[in-house]
């Protein structure tokens, strides 16, 4: 039920696929993992290691910088999530996208 409502709300949002430099754009997945027995999903977050360059130890959505080979925002988010948490594209049902967000560091993120 919640998935249908969320998908309806997200249907109107279509971030454009403008060509942004890979070092200035990123995409993340806002993943919900279904609990055993049904019900609303659990939000999936990752904890950044203490060895990364920025945001050490912070919680984040799986995702990362767009690469030249990525055809669109979704491909970026799925590739990065696969690299970070091992999720396969076949395991993901995409409900939609959110509006782009510009960070303080001038990075555009598409959730």
Protein backbone atom coordinates (compact mmCIF):
# COMPACT_ATOMS: atom_id res chain seq x y z
CA UNK A 1 0.00 0.00 0.00
CA UNK A 2 2.71 2.51 0.98
CA UNK A 3 4.64 1.66 -2.18
CA UNK A 4 1.68 2.56 -4.40
CA UNK A 5 1.12 5.87 -2.60
CA UNK A 6 4.81 6.77 -2.80
CA UNK A 7 5.02 5.84 -6.49
CA UNK A 8 2.01 8.07 -7.24
CA UNK A 9 3.66 11.04 -5.51
CA UNK A 10 6.98 10.46 -7.30
CA UNK A 11 5.48 10.00 -10.77
CA UNK A 12 5.40 13.76 -11.40
CA UNK A 13 9.10 14.24 -10.61
CA UNK A 14 11.43 13.78 -13.57
CA UNK A 15 14.98 15.06 -13.04
CA UNK A 16 16.48 16.00 -16.37
CA UNK A 17 19.42 14.06 -17.70
CA UNK A 18 21.49 17.15 -18.46
CA UNK A 19 25.18 16.51 -18.97
CA UNK A 20 26.81 17.45 -15.71
CA UNK A 21 30.51 16.78 -15.17
CA UNK A 22 30.94 13.47 -13.31
CA UNK A 23 32.96 15.18 -10.58
CA UNK A 24 30.06 17.57 -9.92
CA UNK A 25 27.11 15.16 -9.89
CA UNK A 26 26.08 12.08 -7.95
CA UNK A 27 23.07 9.83 -7.43
CA UNK A 28 21.88 7.85 -4.43
CA UNK A 29 19.29 5.14 -3.82
CA UNK A 30 16.73 5.63 -1.10
CA UNK A 31 16.24 1.91 -0.46
CA UNK A 32 13.49 0.27 1.54
CA UNK A 33 14.11 -3.34 2.49
CA UNK A 34 10.91 -5.31 3.14
CA UNK A 35 10.80 -6.88 6.60
CA UNK A 36 9.92 -10.57 7.01
CA UNK A 37 6.14 -10.92 7.11
CA UNK A 38 5.41 -7.73 5.17
CA UNK A 39 4.68 -4.22 6.34
CA UNK A 40 6.53 -1.00 5.61
CA UNK A 41 10.11 -1.35 4.51
CA UNK A 42 13.20 -0.55 6.53
CA UNK A 43 15.32 2.35 5.26
CA UNK A 44 18.79 1.17 4.16
CA UNK A 45 21.71 3.41 5.10
CA UNK A 46 25.46 2.89 4.95
CA UNK A 47 28.11 4.12 7.37
CA UNK A 48 31.08 5.78 5.72
CA UNK A 49 34.46 4.45 6.82
CA UNK A 50 37.07 6.48 8.63
CA UNK A 51 39.40 6.17 5.62
CA UNK A 52 37.33 8.10 3.06
CA UNK A 53 38.29 11.65 2.14
CA UNK A 54 35.12 13.34 3.36
CA UNK A 55 32.21 12.70 5.72
CA UNK A 56 34.14 10.11 7.75
CA UNK A 57 31.89 7.88 9.86
CA UNK A 58 28.68 9.54 8.69
CA UNK A 59 25.51 7.71 7.70
CA UNK A 60 24.53 7.98 4.03
CA UNK A 61 22.36 6.53 1.33
CA UNK A 62 24.11 4.08 -1.01
CA UNK A 63 25.33 5.99 -4.05
CA UNK A 64 28.11 8.13 -5.40
CA UNK A 65 29.57 10.14 -8.24
CA UNK A 66 28.32 9.82 -11.77
CA UNK A 67 30.79 8.28 -14.23
CA UNK A 68 31.12 8.94 -17.96
CA UNK A 69 29.84 5.43 -18.73
CA UNK A 70 26.59 5.94 -16.78
CA UNK A 71 23.68 6.53 -19.16
CA UNK A 72 21.43 8.18 -16.57
CA UNK A 73 20.98 8.99 -12.88
CA UNK A 74 19.41 5.62 -12.11
CA UNK A 75 22.35 3.75 -13.63
CA UNK A 76 24.71 5.78 -11.44
CA UNK A 77 22.76 5.04 -8.27
CA UNK A 78 22.41 1.32 -9.04
CA UNK A 79 26.09 0.92 -9.98
CA UNK A 80 27.24 2.66 -6.81
CA UNK A 81 24.82 0.67 -4.62
CA UNK A 82 26.10 -2.55 -6.17
CA UNK A 83 29.69 -1.50 -5.42
CA UNK A 84 28.90 -0.42 -1.85
CA UNK A 85 26.40 -2.99 -0.58
CA UNK A 86 26.32 -5.70 -3.25
CA UNK A 87 22.72 -5.16 -4.31
CA UNK A 88 21.87 -6.30 -7.84
CA UNK A 89 19.70 -4.30 -10.22
CA UNK A 90 17.23 -7.21 -10.45
CA UNK A 91 16.63 -6.87 -6.69
CA UNK A 92 15.48 -3.25 -6.98
CA UNK A 93 12.01 -1.98 -7.87
CA UNK A 94 12.29 1.71 -8.73
CA UNK A 95 9.33 3.81 -7.59
CA UNK A 96 10.64 7.15 -8.85
CA UNK A 97 13.10 9.99 -8.35
CA UNK A 98 13.23 13.04 -6.12
CA UNK A 99 14.27 16.55 -7.11
CA UNK A 100 17.97 17.29 -7.49
CA UNK A 101 19.75 18.72 -4.45
CA UNK A 102 22.73 21.07 -4.65
CA UNK A 103 25.14 20.56 -1.73
CA UNK A 104 27.27 23.23 -0.06
CA UNK A 105 30.22 21.80 -2.00
CA UNK A 106 28.43 22.48 -5.33
CA UNK A 107 27.72 18.80 -6.00
CA UNK A 108 24.34 17.99 -7.57
CA UNK A 109 22.76 14.86 -6.06
CA UNK A 110 19.75 13.02 -7.46
CA UNK A 111 17.96 10.75 -4.97
